[in-house]
Amino acid sequence: MELFEITQSQRLRREEAAARLRALADALAKNNSLELERDGRRITVSVPDEVELSIEVELGEDNELEIELTW
């Protein structure tokens, strides 16, 4: 299977980041797939009914919260 990766990073206000996370969570709750677009390319990702959720927090000079879904 071919590896396809979309990576996106941008600085947002906390409220904007929360709105994007809410939209992603709503899409996951309502559908069994997600549509993502980057650089004019649109992909559909099928998501099964059960996923593995990992949450990682790193505190130090730079703080990080990482949320990962795998299946």
PDB file of N, CA and C in Angstrom:
ATOM      1  N   MET A   1       0.843  -1.182   0.000  1.00  0.00           N
ATOM      2  CA  MET A   1       0.000   0.000   0.000  1.00  0.00           C
ATOM      3  C   MET A   1       0.890   1.249   0.000  1.00  0.00           C
ATOM      4  N   GLU A   2       0.549   2.224  -0.807  1.00  0.00           N
ATOM      5  CA  GLU A   2       1.309   3.456  -0.922  1.00  0.00           C
ATOM      6  C   GLU A   2       1.076   4.336   0.298  1.00  0.00           C
ATOM      7  N   LEU A   3       2.140   4.937   0.801  1.00  0.00           N
ATOM      8  CA  LEU A   3       2.054   5.852   1.929  1.00  0.00           C
ATOM      9  C   LEU A   3       1.667   7.223   1.409  1.00  0.00           C
ATOM     10  N   PHE A   4       0.646   7.792   2.010  1.00  0.00           N
ATOM     11  CA  PHE A   4       0.222   9.146   1.661  1.00  0.00           C
ATOM     12  C   PHE A   4       0.125   9.918   2.956  1.00  0.00           C
ATOM     13  N   GLU A   5       0.718  11.080   2.996  1.00  0.00           N
ATOM     14  CA  GLU A   5       0.750  11.848   4.235  1.00  0.00           C
ATOM     15  C   GLU A   5       0.414  13.293   3.960  1.00  0.00           C
ATOM     16  N   ILE A   6      -0.429  13.854   4.820  1.00  0.00           N
ATOM     17  CA  ILE A   6      -0.704  15.284   4.805  1.00  0.00           C
ATOM     18  C   ILE A   6      -0.269  15.806   6.164  1.00  0.00           C
ATOM     19  N   THR A   7       0.615  16.778   6.168  1.00  0.00           N
ATOM     20  CA  THR A   7       1.042  17.404   7.415  1.00  0.00           C
ATOM     21  C   THR A   7       0.744  18.887   7.300  1.00  0.00           C
ATOM     22  N   GLN A   8       0.105  19.410   8.321  1.00  0.00           N
ATOM     23  CA  GLN A   8      -0.236  20.827   8.305  1.00  0.00           C
ATOM     24  C   GLN A   8       0.062  21.408   9.675  1.00  0.00           C
ATOM     25  N   SER A   9       0.721  22.532   9.687  1.00  0.00           N
ATOM     26  CA  SER A   9       1.039  23.208  10.935  1.00  0.00           C
ATOM     27  C   SER A   9       0.867  24.696  10.715  1.00  0.00           C
ATOM     28  N   GLN A  10       0.156  25.341  11.615  1.00  0.00           N
ATOM     29  CA  GLN A  10      -0.001  26.785  11.521  1.00  0.00           C
ATOM     30  C   GLN A  10      -0.307  27.345  12.896  1.00  0.00           C
ATOM     31  N   ARG A  11      -0.007  28.610  13.075  1.00  0.00           N
ATOM     32  CA  ARG A  11      -0.277  29.276  14.340  1.00  0.00           C
ATOM     33  C   ARG A  11      -1.701  29.831  14.299  1.00  0.00           C
ATOM     34  N   LEU A  12      -2.478  29.479  15.310  1.00  0.00           N
ATOM     35  CA  LEU A  12      -3.865  29.919  15.429  1.00  0.00           C
ATOM     36  C   LEU A  12      -4.112  30.440  16.837  1.00  0.00           C
ATOM     37  N   ARG A  13      -5.153  31.226  16.979  1.00  0.00           N
ATOM     38  CA  ARG A  13      -5.603  31.579  18.326  1.00  0.00           C
ATOM     39  C   ARG A  13      -6.177  30.311  18.967  1.00  0.00           C
ATOM     40  N   ARG A  14      -6.094  30.228  20.271  1.00  0.00           N
ATOM     41  CA  ARG A  14      -6.574  29.056  20.993  1.00  0.00           C
ATOM     42  C   ARG A  14      -8.021  28.719  20.612  1.00  0.00           C
ATOM     43  N   GLU A  15      -8.869  29.743  20.490  1.00  0.00           N
ATOM     44  CA  GLU A  15     -10.269  29.530  20.139  1.00  0.00           C
ATOM     45  C   GLU A  15     -10.429  28.952  18.737  1.00  0.00           C
ATOM     46  N   GLU A  16      -9.575  29.392  17.806  1.00  0.00           N
ATOM     47  CA  GLU A  16      -9.613  28.867  16.444  1.00  0.00           C
ATOM     48  C   GLU A  16      -9.182  27.396  16.415  1.00  0.00           C
ATOM     49  N   ALA A  17      -8.156  27.078  17.192  1.00  0.00           N
ATOM     50  CA  ALA A  17      -7.698  25.687  17.264  1.00  0.00           C
ATOM     51  C   ALA A  17      -8.811  24.811  17.846  1.00  0.00           C
ATOM     52  N   ALA A  18      -9.488  25.309  18.878  1.00  0.00           N
ATOM     53  CA  ALA A  18     -10.589  24.552  19.484  1.00  0.00           C
ATOM     54  C   ALA A  18     -11.716  24.336  18.477  1.00  0.00           C
ATOM     55  N   ALA A  19     -12.025  25.348  17.672  1.00  0.00           N
ATOM     56  CA  ALA A  19     -13.081  25.213  16.666  1.00  0.00           C
ATOM     57  C   ALA A  19     -12.714  24.150  15.634  1.00  0.00           C
ATOM     58  N   ARG A  20     -11.452  24.098  15.229  1.00  0.00           N
ATOM     59  CA  ARG A  20     -11.025  23.067  14.265  1.00  0.00           C
ATOM     60  C   ARG A  20     -11.115  21.673  14.870  1.00  0.00           C
ATOM     61  N   LEU A  21     -10.714  21.551  16.141  1.00  0.00           N
ATOM     62  CA  LEU A  21     -10.819  20.259  16.813  1.00  0.00           C
ATOM     63  C   LEU A  21     -12.282  19.828  16.952  1.00  0.00           C
ATOM     64  N   ARG A  22     -13.173  20.790  17.263  1.00  0.00           N
ATOM     65  CA  ARG A  22     -14.610  20.477  17.364  1.00  0.00           C
ATOM     66  C   ARG A  22     -15.167  20.002  16.029  1.00  0.00           C
ATOM     67  N   ALA A  23     -14.770  20.676  14.944  1.00  0.00           N
ATOM     68  CA  ALA A  23     -15.248  20.286  13.613  1.00  0.00           C
ATOM     69  C   ALA A  23     -14.770  18.870  13.272  1.00  0.00           C
ATOM     70  N   LEU A  24     -13.526  18.563  13.600  1.00  0.00           N
ATOM     71  CA  LEU A  24     -12.994  17.228  13.360  1.00  0.00           C
ATOM     72  C   LEU A  24     -13.745  16.194  14.208  1.00  0.00           C
ATOM     73  N   ALA A  25     -13.974  16.512  15.472  1.00  0.00           N
ATOM     74  CA  ALA A  25     -14.700  15.598  16.360  1.00  0.00           C
ATOM     75  C   ALA A  25     -16.130  15.386  15.872  1.00  0.00           C
ATOM     76  N   ASP A  26     -16.790  16.437  15.419  1.00  0.00           N
ATOM     77  CA  ASP A  26     -18.156  16.313  14.895  1.00  0.00           C
ATOM     78  C   ASP A  26     -18.182  15.422  13.658  1.00  0.00           C
ATOM     79  N   ALA A  27     -17.213  15.601  12.775  1.00  0.00           N
ATOM     80  CA  ALA A  27     -17.154  14.769  11.565  1.00  0.00           C
ATOM     81  C   ALA A  27     -16.931  13.304  11.936  1.00  0.00           C
ATOM     82  N   LEU A  28     -16.075  13.041  12.911  1.00  0.00           N
ATOM     83  CA  LEU A  28     -15.831  11.659  13.353  1.00  0.00           C
ATOM     84  C   LEU A  28     -17.090  11.046  13.959  1.00  0.00           C
ATOM     85  N   ALA A  29     -17.833  11.830  14.718  1.00  0.00           N
ATOM     86  CA  ALA A  29     -19.030  11.325  15.385  1.00  0.00           C
ATOM     87  C   ALA A  29     -20.157  11.023  14.401  1.00  0.00           C
ATOM     88  N   LYS A  30     -20.239  11.787  13.315  1.00  0.00           N
ATOM     89  CA  LYS A  30     -21.360  11.659  12.386  1.00  0.00           C
ATOM     90  C   LYS A  30     -21.099  10.705  11.222  1.00  0.00           C
ATOM     91  N   ASN A  31     -19.851  10.521  10.858  1.00  0.00           N
ATOM     92  CA  ASN A  31     -19.529   9.793   9.634  1.00  0.00           C
ATOM     93  C   ASN A  31     -18.514   8.694   9.905  1.00  0.00           C
ATOM     94  N   ASN A  32     -18.386   7.801   8.944  1.00  0.00           N
ATOM     95  CA  ASN A  32     -17.327   6.797   9.048  1.00  0.00           C
ATOM     96  C   ASN A  32     -16.146   7.164   8.157  1.00  0.00           C
ATOM     97  N   SER A  33     -16.079   8.443   7.775  1.00  0.00           N
ATOM     98  CA  SER A  33     -14.950   8.920   6.984  1.00  0.00           C
ATOM     99  C   SER A  33     -14.740  10.413   7.233  1.00  0.00           C
ATOM    100  N   LEU A  34     -13.532  10.858   6.923  1.00  0.00           N
ATOM    101  CA  LEU A  34     -13.168  12.267   7.013  1.00  0.00           C
ATOM    102  C   LEU A  34     -12.662  12.719   5.665  1.00  0.00           C
ATOM    103  N   GLU A  35     -12.983  13.941   5.285  1.00  0.00           N
ATOM    104  CA  GLU A  35     -12.431  14.526   4.067  1.00  0.00           C
ATOM    105  C   GLU A  35     -11.429  15.587   4.456  1.00  0.00           C
ATOM    106  N   LEU A  36     -10.225  15.483   3.899  1.00  0.00           N
ATOM    107  CA  LEU A  36      -9.159  16.430   4.171  1.00  0.00           C
ATOM    108  C   LEU A  36      -8.680  17.018   2.856  1.00  0.00           C
ATOM    109  N   GLU A  37      -8.311  18.299   2.889  1.00  0.00           N
ATOM    110  CA  GLU A  37      -7.836  18.953   1.676  1.00  0.00           C
ATOM    111  C   GLU A  37      -6.574  19.732   1.988  1.00  0.00           C
ATOM    112  N   ARG A  38      -5.614  19.636   1.069  1.00  0.00           N
ATOM    113  CA  ARG A  38      -4.358  20.368   1.206  1.00  0.00           C
ATOM    114  C   ARG A  38      -3.773  20.567  -0.173  1.00  0.00           C
ATOM    115  N   ASP A  39      -3.399  21.777  -0.484  1.00  0.00           N
ATOM    116  CA  ASP A  39      -2.777  22.106  -1.767  1.00  0.00           C
ATOM    117  C   ASP A  39      -3.626  21.645  -2.942  1.00  0.00           C
ATOM    118  N   GLY A  40      -4.939  21.795  -2.830  1.00  0.00           N
ATOM    119  CA  GLY A  40      -5.829  21.427  -3.916  1.00  0.00           C
ATOM    120  C   GLY A  40      -6.115  19.944  -4.036  1.00  0.00           C
ATOM    121  N   ARG A  41      -5.526  19.129  -3.176  1.00  0.00           N
ATOM    122  CA  ARG A  41      -5.773  17.676  -3.190  1.00  0.00           C
ATOM    123  C   ARG A  41      -6.748  17.346  -2.078  1.00  0.00           C
ATOM    124  N   ARG A  42      -7.735  16.573  -2.397  1.00  0.00           N
ATOM    125  CA  ARG A  42      -8.727  16.152  -1.412  1.00  0.00           C
ATOM    126  C   ARG A  42      -8.645  14.638  -1.256  1.00  0.00           C
ATOM    127  N   ILE A  43      -8.603  14.204   0.001  1.00  0.00           N
ATOM    128  CA  ILE A  43      -8.602  12.770   0.250  1.00  0.00           C
ATOM    129  C   ILE A  43      -9.724  12.443   1.229  1.00  0.00           C
ATOM    130  N   THR A  44     -10.217  11.233   1.114  1.00  0.00           N
ATOM    131  CA  THR A  44     -11.210  10.723   2.044  1.00  0.00           C
ATOM    132  C   THR A  44     -10.567   9.599   2.835  1.00  0.00           C
ATOM    133  N   VAL A  45     -10.659   9.692   4.144  1.00  0.00           N
ATOM    134  CA  VAL A  45     -10.074   8.711   5.040  1.00  0.00           C
ATOM    135  C   VAL A  45     -11.203   7.941   5.708  1.00  0.00           C
ATOM    136  N   SER A  46     -11.254   6.644   5.479  1.00  0.00           N
ATOM    137  CA  SER A  46     -12.249   5.800   6.135  1.00  0.00           C
ATOM    138  C   SER A  46     -11.817   5.549   7.573  1.00  0.00           C
ATOM    139  N   VAL A  47     -12.745   5.720   8.503  1.00  0.00           N
ATOM    140  CA  VAL A  47     -12.452   5.546   9.927  1.00  0.00           C
ATOM    141  C   VAL A  47     -13.400   4.470  10.468  1.00  0.00           C
ATOM    142  N   PRO A  48     -12.854   3.415  11.070  1.00  0.00           N
ATOM    143  CA  PRO A  48     -13.712   2.350  11.588  1.00  0.00           C
ATOM    144  C   PRO A  48     -14.459   2.797  12.852  1.00  0.00           C
ATOM    145  N   ASP A  49     -15.377   1.958  13.303  1.00  0.00           N
ATOM    146  CA  ASP A  49     -16.169   2.273  14.491  1.00  0.00           C
ATOM    147  C   ASP A  49     -15.327   2.342  15.765  1.00  0.00           C
ATOM    148  N   GLU A  50     -14.216   1.613  15.805  1.00  0.00           N
ATOM    149  CA  GLU A  50     -13.336   1.654  16.975  1.00  0.00           C
ATOM    150  C   GLU A  50     -11.937   2.081  16.559  1.00  0.00           C
ATOM    151  N   VAL A  51     -11.369   2.995  17.339  1.00  0.00           N
ATOM    152  CA  VAL A  51     -10.033   3.508  17.087  1.00  0.00           C
ATOM    153  C   VAL A  51      -9.244   3.506  18.393  1.00  0.00           C
ATOM    154  N   GLU A  52      -7.945   3.613  18.278  1.00  0.00           N
ATOM    155  CA  GLU A  52      -7.070   3.753  19.444  1.00  0.00           C
ATOM    156  C   GLU A  52      -6.783   5.243  19.607  1.00  0.00           C
ATOM    157  N   LEU A  53      -7.063   5.791  20.778  1.00  0.00           N
ATOM    158  CA  LEU A  53      -6.832   7.210  21.069  1.00  0.00           C
ATOM    159  C   LEU A  53      -5.644   7.324  22.012  1.00  0.00           C
ATOM    160  N   SER A  54      -4.636   8.097  21.602  1.00  0.00           N
ATOM    161  CA  SER A  54      -3.467   8.360  22.444  1.00  0.00           C
ATOM    162  C   SER A  54      -3.370   9.861  22.664  1.00  0.00           C
ATOM    163  N   ILE A  55      -3.131  10.251  23.903  1.00  0.00           N
ATOM    164  CA  ILE A  55      -2.948  11.659  24.247  1.00  0.00           C
ATOM    165  C   ILE A  55      -1.613  11.774  24.971  1.00  0.00           C
ATOM    166  N   GLU A  56      -0.770  12.666  24.482  1.00  0.00           N
ATOM    167  CA  GLU A  56       0.565  12.853  25.053  1.00  0.00           C
ATOM    168  C   GLU A  56       0.760  14.333  25.377  1.00  0.00           C
ATOM    169  N   VAL A  57       1.257  14.596  26.566  1.00  0.00           N
ATOM    170  CA  VAL A  57       1.541  15.969  26.981  1.00  0.00           C
ATOM    171  C   VAL A  57       3.017  16.053  27.322  1.00  0.00           C
ATOM    172  N   GLU A  58       3.692  17.055  26.765  1.00  0.00           N
ATOM    173  CA  GLU A  58       5.094  17.313  27.082  1.00  0.00           C
ATOM    174  C   GLU A  58       5.195  18.741  27.606  1.00  0.00           C
ATOM    175  N   LEU A  59       5.733  18.875  28.821  1.00  0.00           N
ATOM    176  CA  LEU A  59       5.900  20.187  29.430  1.00  0.00           C
ATOM    177  C   LEU A  59       7.379  20.463  29.604  1.00  0.00           C
ATOM    178  N   GLY A  60       7.785  21.638  29.222  1.00  0.00           N
ATOM    179  CA  GLY A  60       9.197  22.026  29.303  1.00  0.00           C
ATOM    180  C   GLY A  60       9.343  23.426  28.756  1.00  0.00           C
ATOM    181  N   GLU A  61      10.449  23.677  28.066  1.00  0.00           N
ATOM    182  CA  GLU A  61      10.651  24.993  27.452  1.00  0.00           C
ATOM    183  C   GLU A  61       9.564  25.269  26.416  1.00  0.00           C
ATOM    184  N   ASP A  62       9.246  24.258  25.607  1.00  0.00           N
ATOM    185  CA  ASP A  62       8.106  24.301  24.681  1.00  0.00           C
ATOM    186  C   ASP A  62       7.116  23.244  25.140  1.00  0.00           C
ATOM    187  N   ASN A  63       5.862  23.616  25.278  1.00  0.00           N
ATOM    188  CA  ASN A  63       4.830  22.671  25.706  1.00  0.00           C
ATOM    189  C   ASN A  63       4.133  22.087  24.489  1.00  0.00           C
ATOM    190  N   GLU A  64       3.674  20.848  24.629  1.00  0.00           N
ATOM    191  CA  GLU A  64       3.051  20.172  23.496  1.00  0.00           C
ATOM    192  C   GLU A  64       1.926  19.259  23.981  1.00  0.00           C
ATOM    193  N   LEU A  65       0.831  19.282  23.259  1.00  0.00           N
ATOM    194  CA  LEU A  65      -0.266  18.343  23.447  1.00  0.00           C
ATOM    195  C   LEU A  65      -0.456  17.632  22.124  1.00  0.00           C
ATOM    196  N   GLU A  66      -0.279  16.330  22.124  1.00  0.00           N
ATOM    197  CA  GLU A  66      -0.405  15.551  20.901  1.00  0.00           C
ATOM    198  C   GLU A  66      -1.577  14.596  21.045  1.00  0.00           C
ATOM    199  N   ILE A  67      -2.479  14.627  20.082  1.00  0.00           N
ATOM    200  CA  ILE A  67      -3.641  13.745  20.062  1.00  0.00           C
ATOM    201  C   ILE A  67      -3.528  12.886  18.811  1.00  0.00           C
ATOM    202  N   GLU A  68      -3.588  11.566  18.984  1.00  0.00           N
ATOM    203  CA  GLU A  68      -3.393  10.666  17.857  1.00  0.00           C
ATOM    204  C   GLU A  68      -4.468   9.592  17.847  1.00  0.00           C
ATOM    205  N   LEU A  69      -5.049   9.375  16.680  1.00  0.00           N
ATOM    206  CA  LEU A  69      -5.986   8.269  16.469  1.00  0.00           C
ATOM    207  C   LEU A  69      -5.325   7.276  15.522  1.00  0.00           C
ATOM    208  N   THR A  70      -5.363   6.019  15.876  1.00  0.00           N
ATOM    209  CA  THR A  70      -4.831   4.976  14.987  1.00  0.00           C
ATOM    210  C   THR A  70      -5.838   3.849  14.894  1.00  0.00           C
ATOM    211  N   TRP A  71      -5.758   3.106  13.798  1.00  0.00           N
ATOM    212  CA  TRP A  71      -6.615   1.926  13.620  1.00  0.00           C
ATOM    213  C   TRP A  71      -5.959   0.976  12.665  1.00  0.00           C
TER     214      TRP A  71
END
